[in-house]
């Protein structure tokens, strides 16, 4: 799953909290990265139910900053990730 998070999500610790949420859910690999346009991109691979939990957290969880919206796409896993990183 790849998600793009819009709102006030940079310079508020959003990527760090996203990593902590992914690690708390467990079984997820991927990353969170700031984009130049102010969004945060989150890539998560693992069981679909776990990815859906992370997506729900991105939309409705106790996130830092303000989330105005989340857009996601689902694709087959590509692999190549070692844990869940902040980029």
C-alpha atoms as a PDB file:
ATOM      1  CA  UNK A   1       0.000   0.000   0.000  1.00  0.00           C
ATOM      2  CA  UNK A   2       1.164   3.490  -0.791  1.00  0.00           C
ATOM      3  CA  UNK A   3      -0.576   6.396   0.930  1.00  0.00           C
ATOM      4  CA  UNK A   4      -0.184  10.137   0.516  1.00  0.00           C
ATOM      5  CA  UNK A   5      -1.143  12.166   3.581  1.00  0.00           C
ATOM      6  CA  UNK A   6      -2.225  15.804   3.124  1.00  0.00           C
ATOM      7  CA  UNK A   7      -2.424  18.525   5.726  1.00  0.00           C
ATOM      8  CA  UNK A   8      -0.002  19.965   8.258  1.00  0.00           C
ATOM      9  CA  UNK A   9       2.098  16.808   8.436  1.00  0.00           C
ATOM     10  CA  UNK A  10       5.660  18.059   8.081  1.00  0.00           C
ATOM     11  CA  UNK A  11       7.842  19.447  10.878  1.00  0.00           C
ATOM     12  CA  UNK A  12       5.533  17.921  13.497  1.00  0.00           C
ATOM     13  CA  UNK A  13       7.096  14.456  13.961  1.00  0.00           C
ATOM     14  CA  UNK A  14       4.574  12.786  11.666  1.00  0.00           C
ATOM     15  CA  UNK A  15       7.066  10.377  10.062  1.00  0.00           C
ATOM     16  CA  UNK A  16       8.406   9.308  13.466  1.00  0.00           C
ATOM     17  CA  UNK A  17       4.887   8.647  14.798  1.00  0.00           C
ATOM     18  CA  UNK A  18       3.995   6.786  11.589  1.00  0.00           C
ATOM     19  CA  UNK A  19       7.021   4.522  12.046  1.00  0.00           C
ATOM     20  CA  UNK A  20       6.064   3.938  15.684  1.00  0.00           C
ATOM     21  CA  UNK A  21       2.499   3.053  14.630  1.00  0.00           C
ATOM     22  CA  UNK A  22       3.768   0.637  11.957  1.00  0.00           C
ATOM     23  CA  UNK A  23       6.111  -1.032  14.442  1.00  0.00           C
ATOM     24  CA  UNK A  24       3.304  -1.227  17.001  1.00  0.00           C
ATOM     25  CA  UNK A  25       1.033  -2.948  14.493  1.00  0.00           C
ATOM     26  CA  UNK A  26       3.896  -5.280  13.638  1.00  0.00           C
ATOM     27  CA  UNK A  27       4.618  -7.267  10.505  1.00  0.00           C
ATOM     28  CA  UNK A  28       4.991  -4.189   8.295  1.00  0.00           C
ATOM     29  CA  UNK A  29       7.952  -3.066   6.236  1.00  0.00           C
ATOM     30  CA  UNK A  30       8.330   0.151   4.282  1.00  0.00           C
ATOM     31  CA  UNK A  31       8.966   3.823   4.914  1.00  0.00           C
ATOM     32  CA  UNK A  32       7.586   7.312   5.467  1.00  0.00           C
ATOM     33  CA  UNK A  33       9.080  10.263   3.567  1.00  0.00           C
ATOM     34  CA  UNK A  34       8.357  13.985   3.294  1.00  0.00           C
ATOM     35  CA  UNK A  35       7.492  15.181  -0.207  1.00  0.00           C
ATOM     36  CA  UNK A  36       8.354  18.603  -1.595  1.00  0.00           C
ATOM     37  CA  UNK A  37       4.686  19.546  -1.933  1.00  0.00           C
ATOM     38  CA  UNK A  38       4.101  19.229   1.840  1.00  0.00           C
ATOM     39  CA  UNK A  39       2.574  15.749   1.864  1.00  0.00           C
ATOM     40  CA  UNK A  40       3.994  12.635   3.527  1.00  0.00           C
ATOM     41  CA  UNK A  41       4.216   9.451   1.480  1.00  0.00           C
ATOM     42  CA  UNK A  42       3.863   6.184   3.375  1.00  0.00           C
ATOM     43  CA  UNK A  43       4.720   2.827   1.787  1.00  0.00           C
ATOM     44  CA  UNK A  44       3.744  -0.259   3.797  1.00  0.00           C
ATOM     45  CA  UNK A  45       4.058  -3.918   2.879  1.00  0.00           C
ATOM     46  CA  UNK A  46       2.719  -6.822   4.894  1.00  0.00           C
ATOM     47  CA  UNK A  47      -0.572  -8.590   5.465  1.00  0.00           C
ATOM     48  CA  UNK A  48      -3.436  -6.549   4.066  1.00  0.00           C
ATOM     49  CA  UNK A  49      -5.201  -6.367   7.440  1.00  0.00           C
ATOM     50  CA  UNK A  50      -2.073  -4.837   8.994  1.00  0.00           C
ATOM     51  CA  UNK A  51      -1.750  -2.317   6.166  1.00  0.00           C
ATOM     52  CA  UNK A  52      -5.421  -1.428   6.627  1.00  0.00           C
ATOM     53  CA  UNK A  53      -4.803  -0.819  10.349  1.00  0.00           C
ATOM     54  CA  UNK A  54      -1.979   1.585   9.482  1.00  0.00           C
ATOM     55  CA  UNK A  55      -4.173   3.316   6.915  1.00  0.00           C
ATOM     56  CA  UNK A  56      -6.939   3.700   9.513  1.00  0.00           C
ATOM     57  CA  UNK A  57      -4.389   5.177  11.932  1.00  0.00           C
ATOM     58  CA  UNK A  58      -3.232   7.642   9.262  1.00  0.00           C
ATOM     59  CA  UNK A  59      -6.828   8.755   8.732  1.00  0.00           C
ATOM     60  CA  UNK A  60      -8.198   8.731  12.266  1.00  0.00           C
ATOM     61  CA  UNK A  61      -5.423   8.049  14.723  1.00  0.00           C
ATOM     62  CA  UNK A  62      -3.775  10.284  17.253  1.00  0.00           C
ATOM     63  CA  UNK A  63      -1.357  11.743  14.718  1.00  0.00           C
ATOM     64  CA  UNK A  64       0.713  14.869  15.215  1.00  0.00           C
ATOM     65  CA  UNK A  65      -0.196  17.872  13.095  1.00  0.00           C
ATOM     66  CA  UNK A  66      -3.432  17.923  11.140  1.00  0.00           C
ATOM     67  CA  UNK A  67      -4.445  15.350   8.538  1.00  0.00           C
ATOM     68  CA  UNK A  68      -6.765  16.817   5.905  1.00  0.00           C
ATOM     69  CA  UNK A  69      -6.955  13.666   3.794  1.00  0.00           C
ATOM     70  CA  UNK A  70      -5.295  10.420   2.785  1.00  0.00           C
ATOM     71  CA  UNK A  71      -5.210   8.896  -0.686  1.00  0.00           C
ATOM     72  CA  UNK A  72      -4.009   5.334  -1.125  1.00  0.00           C
ATOM     73  CA  UNK A  73      -3.323   2.784  -3.823  1.00  0.00           C
ATOM     74  CA  UNK A  74      -2.899  -0.960  -3.434  1.00  0.00           C
ATOM     75  CA  UNK A  75      -0.330  -2.850  -5.470  1.00  0.00           C
ATOM     76  CA  UNK A  76       1.437  -6.201  -5.181  1.00  0.00           C
ATOM     77  CA  UNK A  77       4.406  -6.025  -2.770  1.00  0.00           C
ATOM     78  CA  UNK A  78       7.778  -5.304  -4.392  1.00  0.00           C
ATOM     79  CA  UNK A  79       9.909  -6.218  -1.393  1.00  0.00           C
ATOM     80  CA  UNK A  80      13.377  -4.931  -0.697  1.00  0.00           C
ATOM     81  CA  UNK A  81      12.564  -3.202   2.577  1.00  0.00           C
ATOM     82  CA  UNK A  82      14.280  -3.979   5.853  1.00  0.00           C
ATOM     83  CA  UNK A  83      11.952  -2.936   8.643  1.00  0.00           C
ATOM     84  CA  UNK A  84      10.081   0.371   8.611  1.00  0.00           C
ATOM     85  CA  UNK A  85      12.221   3.463   7.979  1.00  0.00           C
ATOM     86  CA  UNK A  86      12.005   7.213   8.114  1.00  0.00           C
ATOM     87  CA  UNK A  87      13.446   8.686   4.951  1.00  0.00           C
END
